[in-house]
Amino acid sequence: MIGFLIVLAIVAILVIVTLAKSVRVVQQQTVGIVERFGKYKTGLQPGLNLLTPFVDKVRYTIDMREQVVSFPPQGVITEDNLMVSIDSVIYFQVNDPVRATYEISNYIQAIEQLTMTTLRNIIGGMDLEQTLTSREEINEKLRYVLDEATGKWGIRVNRVELRSIDPPPSIQDSMEKQMRADRDKRAAILTAEGMRQSAVLAAEGQKQSAVLTAEGDKQSRILRAQAERASRILKAEGEAQAITTVFNAIHAGKPDQGLLAYQYLQMLPSIAQGDSNKLWIIPSEIGKAMEGLGSAVGQIAGIPQKAEGDWKQPEFSQDAPTAEVEGGSQDKAVTDADNAVQEAIAAAQNAAVSGRTAAPAAPAPSTSPVHTEQEPPLER
């Protein structure tokens, strides 16, 4: 009984192991490579798969998804003998799992080595400046070479990217200085162009300002000249009208010798008050002297003994008072004129008396009507 149980247990264990060897589950986007007695038999697709136990064996499991592999920086020499460090990234995908398994032992390592040799060939034909500025070109050339080489391995290279291209520190310092100098140069050029444009605009503004100032000065001078001309014309017209008015008024008043004598007598006090007159003599026969003066003035050409003629009285504005002497009051006017003459004679005598008190006695007066002497008096 015990032996039967042992045999039964052994059989159960064999059944379990057989089932485990016969059933295999494959994940999505994964392919299993099955070998039978060391030879490729088939590929397991995603899902549940049955195998012949103790005969078939899953040798490799291949990931069919696109994979990304980054390689460490590699030192590459450019055409101008400069060492640069390049860090690359490869995007690839396995298309044929059988060839990827049996055509190459380690396709990741193979891609890395192929990438390194291809970069050296491509960068070796470029100088540093081309290497730094031709990244897209390098990526395309590298992808083409890798895709062509890995095609027989059942691998397709989709994309190649250079993450960094690092020149030596000394070259980086030189490049920074060159870039700084180039930027300073562009900044100086832009500053000079800005200053030139500013100077041009300022000169144009000054030119326009000078032109406008000159035009304004010209117009101002023209207007001032026109105003001065008009002012002179108006002034000349006013003087002409004033002279004409005075001339007409004098002739319309018909002056005679009595008026002239009256005007002369009005000037006698002014003559006596002069500072330079040290001696002024008034004769006692002032009335006869006035008559002689009237007869003498009557002898002057152009002044009639008695005013005659038909002169038009000038017209005055309403604000200016007009003095008219009607024919009925002519005697009154003559009387007023005589009184004024007597007052003038009295004023002249008073001025003469005040002069005698201040100066020494003088010799007897002559028979002339009025005598004014500027020399000092004679000593006794």
Protein backbone atom coordinates (compact mmCIF):
# COMPACT_ATOMS: atom_id res chain seq x y z
CA MET A 1 0.00 0.00 0.00
CA ILE A 2 2.80 2.38 0.83
CA GLY A 3 4.62 1.55 -2.40
CA PHE A 4 1.48 2.28 -4.40
CA LEU A 5 1.20 5.72 -2.85
CA ILE A 6 4.81 6.51 -3.62
CA VAL A 7 4.39 5.56 -7.26
CA LEU A 8 1.24 7.63 -7.47
CA ALA A 9 3.05 10.66 -6.08
CA ILE A 10 5.88 10.23 -8.54
CA VAL A 11 3.44 10.06 -11.43
CA ALA A 12 1.67 13.20 -10.25
CA ILE A 13 4.94 15.07 -10.02
CA LEU A 14 5.87 13.96 -13.54
CA VAL A 15 2.52 15.14 -14.83
CA ILE A 16 2.94 18.54 -13.19
CA VAL A 17 6.45 18.96 -14.57
CA THR A 18 5.31 17.86 -18.00
CA LEU A 19 2.51 20.37 -18.01
CA ALA A 20 4.90 23.12 -16.88
CA LYS A 21 7.25 22.26 -19.71
CA SER A 22 4.44 22.10 -22.24
CA VAL A 23 2.70 25.44 -21.48
CA ARG A 24 4.41 28.82 -22.05
CA VAL A 25 2.82 32.33 -21.84
CA VAL A 26 4.43 35.08 -24.04
CA GLN A 27 3.91 38.79 -23.35
CA GLN A 28 2.62 41.27 -25.92
CA GLN A 29 5.28 42.66 -28.34
CA THR A 30 7.54 39.76 -27.38
CA VAL A 31 8.60 36.71 -29.44
CA GLY A 32 10.04 33.51 -28.00
CA ILE A 33 12.63 31.50 -29.96
CA VAL A 34 11.99 27.72 -29.59
CA GLU A 35 14.76 25.20 -30.21
CA ARG A 36 14.38 21.43 -30.49
CA PHE A 37 17.50 19.54 -29.63
CA GLY A 38 19.54 22.73 -30.10
CA LYS A 39 18.03 23.63 -33.47
CA TYR A 40 15.58 26.43 -34.23
CA LYS A 41 12.06 25.02 -34.27
CA THR A 42 9.62 27.97 -34.22
CA GLY A 43 8.81 31.35 -32.68
CA LEU A 44 6.25 31.73 -29.96
CA GLN A 45 3.68 34.47 -30.49
CA PRO A 46 2.16 36.54 -27.66
CA GLY A 47 -0.34 34.54 -25.59
CA LEU A 48 -0.60 30.88 -24.46
CA ASN A 49 1.62 28.43 -26.34
CA LEU A 50 2.06 24.61 -25.99
CA LEU A 51 5.46 22.95 -26.36
CA THR A 52 6.62 19.38 -26.54
CA PRO A 53 7.96 18.71 -23.10
CA PHE A 54 11.54 17.65 -22.67
CA VAL A 55 12.06 18.19 -26.40
CA ASP A 56 11.34 21.88 -27.18
CA LYS A 57 13.06 24.68 -25.28
CA VAL A 58 12.61 28.49 -25.33
CA ARG A 59 16.13 29.70 -25.95
CA TYR A 60 15.62 33.55 -26.26
CA THR A 61 12.88 36.04 -25.67
CA ILE A 62 13.12 39.01 -28.10
CA ASP A 63 11.50 42.42 -27.38
CA MET A 64 9.92 43.67 -30.58
CA ARG A 65 9.35 47.24 -29.36
CA GLU A 66 11.51 50.20 -30.40
CA GLN A 67 14.45 50.48 -28.08
CA VAL A 68 16.60 53.43 -27.08
CA VAL A 69 20.25 52.95 -26.32
CA SER A 70 22.62 55.73 -25.27
CA PHE A 71 26.34 55.23 -25.61
CA PRO A 72 29.00 56.92 -23.45
CA PRO A 73 30.91 59.87 -24.91
CA GLN A 74 33.48 58.90 -27.50
CA GLY A 75 36.60 60.89 -28.40
CA VAL A 76 36.75 61.74 -32.11
CA ILE A 77 39.44 63.69 -33.98
CA THR A 78 38.33 66.28 -36.52
CA GLU A 79 40.02 67.16 -39.79
CA ASP A 80 41.90 70.07 -38.15
CA ASN A 81 43.32 67.66 -35.50
CA LEU A 82 41.07 68.64 -32.61
CA MET A 83 39.68 66.11 -30.18
CA VAL A 84 35.94 66.37 -29.58
CA SER A 85 33.76 64.27 -27.32
CA ILE A 86 30.47 63.06 -28.87
CA ASP A 87 27.58 61.50 -26.96
CA SER A 88 25.05 59.68 -29.17
CA VAL A 89 21.63 58.03 -28.81
CA ILE A 90 20.35 55.23 -31.10
CA TYR A 91 16.66 54.42 -31.71
CA PHE A 92 16.26 50.92 -33.23
CA GLN A 93 13.69 48.11 -33.54
CA VAL A 94 14.00 44.33 -34.11
CA ASN A 95 12.11 43.29 -37.25
CA ASP A 96 13.29 39.67 -37.54
CA PRO A 97 13.82 37.98 -34.18
CA VAL A 98 15.35 34.84 -35.73
CA ARG A 99 18.12 36.73 -37.50
CA ALA A 100 18.61 39.03 -34.52
CA THR A 101 19.18 35.84 -32.51
CA TYR A 102 21.32 33.76 -34.84
CA GLU A 103 23.02 36.37 -37.09
CA ILE A 104 24.69 38.35 -34.29
CA SER A 105 25.62 37.26 -30.81
CA ASN A 106 25.06 40.69 -29.14
CA TYR A 107 23.46 43.27 -31.40
CA ILE A 108 23.59 46.04 -28.74
CA GLN A 109 27.36 45.83 -28.51
CA ALA A 110 27.61 45.53 -32.28
CA ILE A 111 25.58 48.71 -32.78
CA GLU A 112 27.76 50.56 -30.26
CA GLN A 113 30.99 49.63 -31.98
CA LEU A 114 29.56 50.37 -35.40
CA THR A 115 28.38 53.79 -34.21
CA MET A 116 31.85 54.62 -32.88
CA THR A 117 33.66 53.69 -36.10
CA THR A 118 31.11 55.47 -38.28
CA LEU A 119 31.38 58.69 -36.21
CA ARG A 120 35.15 58.64 -36.58
CA ASN A 121 34.85 58.31 -40.34
CA ILE A 122 32.28 61.12 -40.64
CA ILE A 123 33.90 63.57 -38.18
CA GLY A 124 37.35 62.90 -39.60
CA GLY A 125 36.30 64.59 -42.84
CA MET A 126 35.04 67.77 -41.13
CA ASP A 127 36.70 70.58 -39.26
CA LEU A 128 35.51 71.78 -35.88
CA GLU A 129 33.21 74.51 -37.18
CA GLN A 130 31.51 72.12 -39.60
CA THR A 131 31.17 69.55 -36.85
CA LEU A 132 29.43 72.03 -34.56
CA THR A 133 27.12 73.38 -37.25
CA SER A 134 26.34 70.18 -39.23
CA ARG A 135 24.65 68.08 -36.56
CA GLU A 136 21.67 67.17 -38.75
CA GLU A 137 23.97 66.08 -41.56
CA ILE A 138 25.99 63.89 -39.19
CA ASN A 139 22.80 62.31 -37.80
CA GLU A 140 21.53 61.47 -41.24
CA LYS A 141 24.81 59.94 -42.43
CA LEU A 142 25.18 57.92 -39.25
CA ARG A 143 21.62 56.59 -39.42
CA TYR A 144 22.06 55.55 -43.05
CA VAL A 145 25.28 53.61 -42.35
CA LEU A 146 23.87 51.90 -39.25
CA ASP A 147 20.60 50.96 -40.92
CA GLU A 148 22.43 49.45 -43.85
CA ALA A 149 24.80 47.47 -41.62
CA THR A 150 22.14 46.20 -39.19
CA GLY A 151 19.65 45.23 -41.88
CA LYS A 152 21.11 41.74 -42.22
CA TRP A 153 20.73 41.32 -38.45
CA GLY A 154 16.99 41.90 -38.66
CA ILE A 155 17.30 45.30 -36.99
CA ARG A 156 16.11 48.63 -38.34
CA VAL A 157 17.70 51.88 -37.08
CA ASN A 158 14.99 54.52 -36.99
CA ARG A 159 16.86 57.53 -35.69
CA VAL A 160 20.26 58.69 -34.50
CA GLU A 161 20.82 61.76 -32.33
CA LEU A 162 24.02 63.42 -31.15
CA ARG A 163 23.25 64.67 -27.67
CA SER A 164 26.41 66.72 -27.25
CA ILE A 165 29.57 67.68 -29.11
CA ASP A 166 32.11 68.96 -26.61
CA PRO A 167 35.38 70.48 -27.90
CA PRO A 168 38.43 70.78 -25.60
CA PRO A 169 38.30 73.44 -22.84
CA SER A 170 40.94 75.59 -24.55
CA ILE A 171 38.95 75.53 -27.78
CA GLN A 172 35.79 76.40 -25.86
CA ASP A 173 37.55 79.37 -24.30
CA SER A 174 38.80 80.52 -27.71
CA MET A 175 35.33 80.11 -29.18
CA GLU A 176 33.80 82.11 -26.37
CA LYS A 177 36.33 84.89 -26.91
CA GLN A 178 35.66 84.81 -30.64
CA MET A 179 31.90 84.94 -30.09
CA ARG A 180 32.32 87.75 -27.57
CA ALA A 181 34.51 89.71 -29.99
CA ASP A 182 32.02 89.13 -32.78
CA ARG A 183 29.16 90.32 -30.60
CA ASP A 184 31.16 93.35 -29.49
CA LYS A 185 31.87 94.10 -33.14
CA ARG A 186 28.18 93.88 -34.07
CA ALA A 187 27.28 96.00 -31.05
CA ALA A 188 29.85 98.64 -32.06
CA ILE A 189 28.53 98.62 -35.63
CA LEU A 190 24.95 98.99 -34.45
CA THR A 191 25.98 101.77 -32.06
CA ALA A 192 27.84 103.60 -34.83
CA GLU A 193 24.87 103.26 -37.18
CA GLY A 194 22.56 104.54 -34.46
CA MET A 195 24.83 107.53 -33.79
CA ARG A 196 25.06 108.24 -37.51
CA GLN A 197 21.30 108.14 -37.93
CA SER A 198 20.92 110.31 -34.84
CA ALA A 199 23.43 112.84 -36.21
CA VAL A 200 21.69 112.84 -39.61
CA LEU A 201 18.30 113.39 -38.01
CA ALA A 202 19.70 116.12 -35.76
CA ALA A 203 21.32 117.84 -38.76
CA GLU A 204 18.08 117.63 -40.73
CA GLY A 205 16.20 119.05 -37.75
CA GLN A 206 18.69 121.92 -37.39
CA LYS A 207 18.47 122.56 -41.13
CA GLN A 208 14.70 122.71 -41.07
CA SER A 209 14.82 124.87 -37.94
CA ALA A 210 17.30 127.26 -39.59
CA VAL A 211 15.17 127.43 -42.73
CA LEU A 212 12.03 128.11 -40.74
CA THR A 213 13.86 130.69 -38.62
CA ALA A 214 15.18 132.43 -41.73
CA GLU A 215 11.74 132.41 -43.32
CA GLY A 216 10.21 133.76 -40.12
CA ASP A 217 12.92 136.46 -39.89
CA LYS A 218 12.31 137.34 -43.51
CA GLN A 219 8.56 137.63 -43.00
CA SER A 220 9.14 139.59 -39.78
CA ARG A 221 11.46 142.06 -41.55
CA ILE A 222 9.01 142.42 -44.41
CA LEU A 223 6.14 143.06 -42.00
CA ARG A 224 8.23 145.52 -39.94
CA ALA A 225 9.29 147.34 -43.13
CA GLN A 226 5.68 147.49 -44.31
CA ALA A 227 4.56 148.71 -40.88
CA GLU A 228 7.33 151.33 -40.79
CA ARG A 229 6.46 152.47 -44.30
CA ALA A 230 2.79 152.72 -43.38
CA SER A 231 3.74 154.56 -40.17
CA ARG A 232 5.90 157.03 -42.06
CA ILE A 233 3.21 157.53 -44.67
CA LEU A 234 0.59 158.15 -41.97
CA LYS A 235 2.97 160.45 -40.06
CA ALA A 236 3.81 162.40 -43.23
CA GLU A 237 0.13 162.66 -44.09
CA GLY A 238 -0.60 163.83 -40.53
CA GLU A 239 2.18 166.46 -40.65
CA ALA A 240 0.97 167.58 -44.06
CA GLN A 241 -2.55 167.88 -42.77
CA ALA A 242 -1.30 169.71 -39.65
CA ILE A 243 0.79 172.15 -41.73
CA THR A 244 -2.12 172.68 -44.08
CA THR A 245 -4.48 173.22 -41.16
CA VAL A 246 -2.11 175.67 -39.44
CA PHE A 247 -1.44 177.51 -42.68
CA ASN A 248 -5.15 177.82 -43.46
CA ALA A 249 -5.90 178.84 -39.89
CA ILE A 250 -3.25 181.58 -39.95
CA HIS A 251 -4.48 182.98 -43.25
CA ALA A 252 -8.11 182.58 -42.26
CA GLY A 253 -7.42 184.66 -39.12
CA LYS A 254 -5.91 187.46 -41.29
CA PRO A 255 -2.97 188.46 -38.99
CA ASP A 256 -1.74 192.10 -39.08
CA GLN A 257 0.98 194.18 -37.44
CA GLY A 258 -0.84 194.39 -34.14
CA LEU A 259 -0.78 190.61 -33.78
CA LEU A 260 2.94 190.52 -34.55
CA ALA A 261 3.62 193.22 -31.97
CA TYR A 262 1.58 191.31 -29.42
CA GLN A 263 3.55 188.13 -30.07
CA TYR A 264 6.82 190.01 -29.73
CA LEU A 265 5.76 191.52 -26.40
CA GLN A 266 4.88 188.04 -25.11
CA MET A 267 8.45 186.96 -25.76
CA LEU A 268 10.02 189.86 -23.81
CA PRO A 269 9.67 188.25 -20.32
CA SER A 270 11.25 185.06 -21.62
CA ILE A 271 14.18 187.03 -23.02
CA ALA A 272 14.62 188.86 -19.70
CA GLN A 273 14.70 185.58 -17.70
CA GLY A 274 17.70 184.15 -19.54
CA ASP A 275 20.68 183.17 -17.32
CA SER A 276 23.21 184.74 -19.75
CA ASN A 277 21.53 188.18 -19.73
CA LYS A 278 23.46 190.35 -17.28
CA LEU A 279 22.01 193.68 -18.43
CA TRP A 280 18.61 194.32 -19.98
CA ILE A 281 17.32 197.85 -20.64
CA ILE A 282 13.76 198.85 -21.36
CA PRO A 283 13.42 202.39 -22.79
CA SER A 284 10.75 204.65 -21.40
CA GLU A 285 9.29 205.31 -24.77
CA ILE A 286 8.06 201.72 -25.13
CA GLY A 287 4.80 202.78 -26.77
CA LYS A 288 6.54 204.74 -29.51
CA ALA A 289 8.96 201.90 -29.88
CA MET A 290 6.04 199.53 -30.47
CA GLU A 291 4.67 201.87 -33.08
CA GLY A 292 8.08 201.98 -34.78
CA LEU A 293 8.24 198.20 -34.58
CA GLY A 294 4.87 197.96 -36.23
CA SER A 295 5.93 200.32 -38.98
CA ALA A 296 9.18 198.37 -39.38
CA VAL A 297 7.40 195.03 -39.56
CA GLY A 298 5.03 196.44 -42.09
CA GLN A 299 8.03 197.04 -44.30
CA ILE A 300 8.86 193.23 -44.37
CA ALA A 301 7.99 191.57 -47.66
CA GLY A 302 5.21 189.06 -47.40
CA ILE A 303 3.60 190.57 -44.27
CA PRO A 304 0.88 193.07 -45.18
CA GLN A 305 0.11 196.16 -43.20
CA LYS A 306 -3.40 194.81 -42.85
CA ALA A 307 -4.45 191.25 -43.52
CA GLU A 308 -6.63 190.96 -46.61
CA GLY A 309 -7.89 188.10 -48.67
CA ASP A 310 -10.41 185.26 -48.66
CA TRP A 311 -9.00 182.35 -46.58
CA LYS A 312 -11.02 179.30 -45.66
CA GLN A 313 -11.40 178.60 -41.99
CA PRO A 314 -10.02 175.08 -41.19
CA GLU A 315 -12.46 172.45 -40.06
CA PHE A 316 -11.92 171.02 -36.59
CA SER A 317 -13.33 167.95 -34.97
CA GLN A 318 -16.24 168.10 -32.61
CA ASP A 319 -14.00 167.55 -29.59
CA ALA A 320 -11.69 170.46 -30.38
CA PRO A 321 -13.24 173.85 -29.49
CA THR A 322 -13.37 176.43 -32.24
CA ALA A 323 -12.81 180.15 -31.68
CA GLU A 324 -14.80 182.36 -33.98
CA VAL A 325 -14.81 186.18 -33.98
CA GLU A 326 -17.92 187.51 -35.47
CA GLY A 327 -18.04 190.87 -37.19
CA GLY A 328 -20.11 192.45 -34.41
CA SER A 329 -17.49 191.64 -31.72
CA GLN A 330 -14.42 192.82 -33.68
CA ASP A 331 -14.04 195.92 -31.51
CA LYS A 332 -14.07 193.82 -28.37
CA ALA A 333 -11.33 191.62 -29.75
CA VAL A 334 -9.19 194.65 -30.56
CA THR A 335 -9.71 195.99 -27.06
CA ASP A 336 -8.69 192.66 -25.56
CA ALA A 337 -5.56 192.66 -27.72
CA ASP A 338 -4.64 196.15 -26.52
CA ASN A 339 -5.09 195.14 -22.91
CA ALA A 340 -2.87 192.14 -23.49
CA VAL A 341 -0.21 194.43 -24.99
CA GLN A 342 -0.34 196.70 -21.94
CA GLU A 343 0.01 193.72 -19.62
CA ALA A 344 3.00 192.49 -21.59
CA ILE A 345 4.62 195.96 -21.36
CA ALA A 346 4.06 196.02 -17.60
CA ALA A 347 5.60 192.57 -17.25
CA ALA A 348 8.62 193.67 -19.26
CA GLN A 349 9.08 196.77 -17.06
CA ASN A 350 8.90 194.69 -13.91
CA ALA A 351 11.54 192.36 -15.28
CA ALA A 352 13.73 195.38 -16.15
CA VAL A 353 13.34 196.83 -12.65
CA SER A 354 14.37 193.54 -11.07
CA GLY A 355 17.40 193.54 -13.40
CA ARG A 356 18.46 197.06 -12.29
CA THR A 357 18.43 196.14 -8.63
CA ALA A 358 20.78 193.24 -9.28
CA ALA A 359 23.19 195.06 -11.74
CA PRO A 360 25.11 198.42 -11.62
CA ALA A 361 23.82 201.52 -13.38
CA ALA A 362 24.07 201.60 -17.13
CA PRO A 363 24.43 204.52 -19.54
CA ALA A 364 21.40 206.25 -21.03
CA PRO A 365 19.27 204.10 -23.29
CA SER A 366 19.32 204.57 -26.99
CA THR A 367 16.40 205.43 -29.11
CA SER A 368 15.95 201.88 -30.36
CA PRO A 369 12.72 200.19 -29.30
CA VAL A 370 14.25 197.18 -27.47
CA HIS A 371 17.90 196.57 -26.78
CA THR A 372 19.40 193.38 -25.30
CA GLU A 373 23.08 193.39 -24.39
CA GLN A 374 25.11 190.30 -23.49
CA GLU A 375 28.31 192.13 -22.41
CA PRO A 376 28.89 193.15 -18.75
CA PRO A 377 28.11 196.78 -17.63
CA LEU A 378 30.74 199.53 -17.80
CA GLU A 379 32.53 200.51 -14.63
CA ARG A 380 32.19 204.12 -13.31
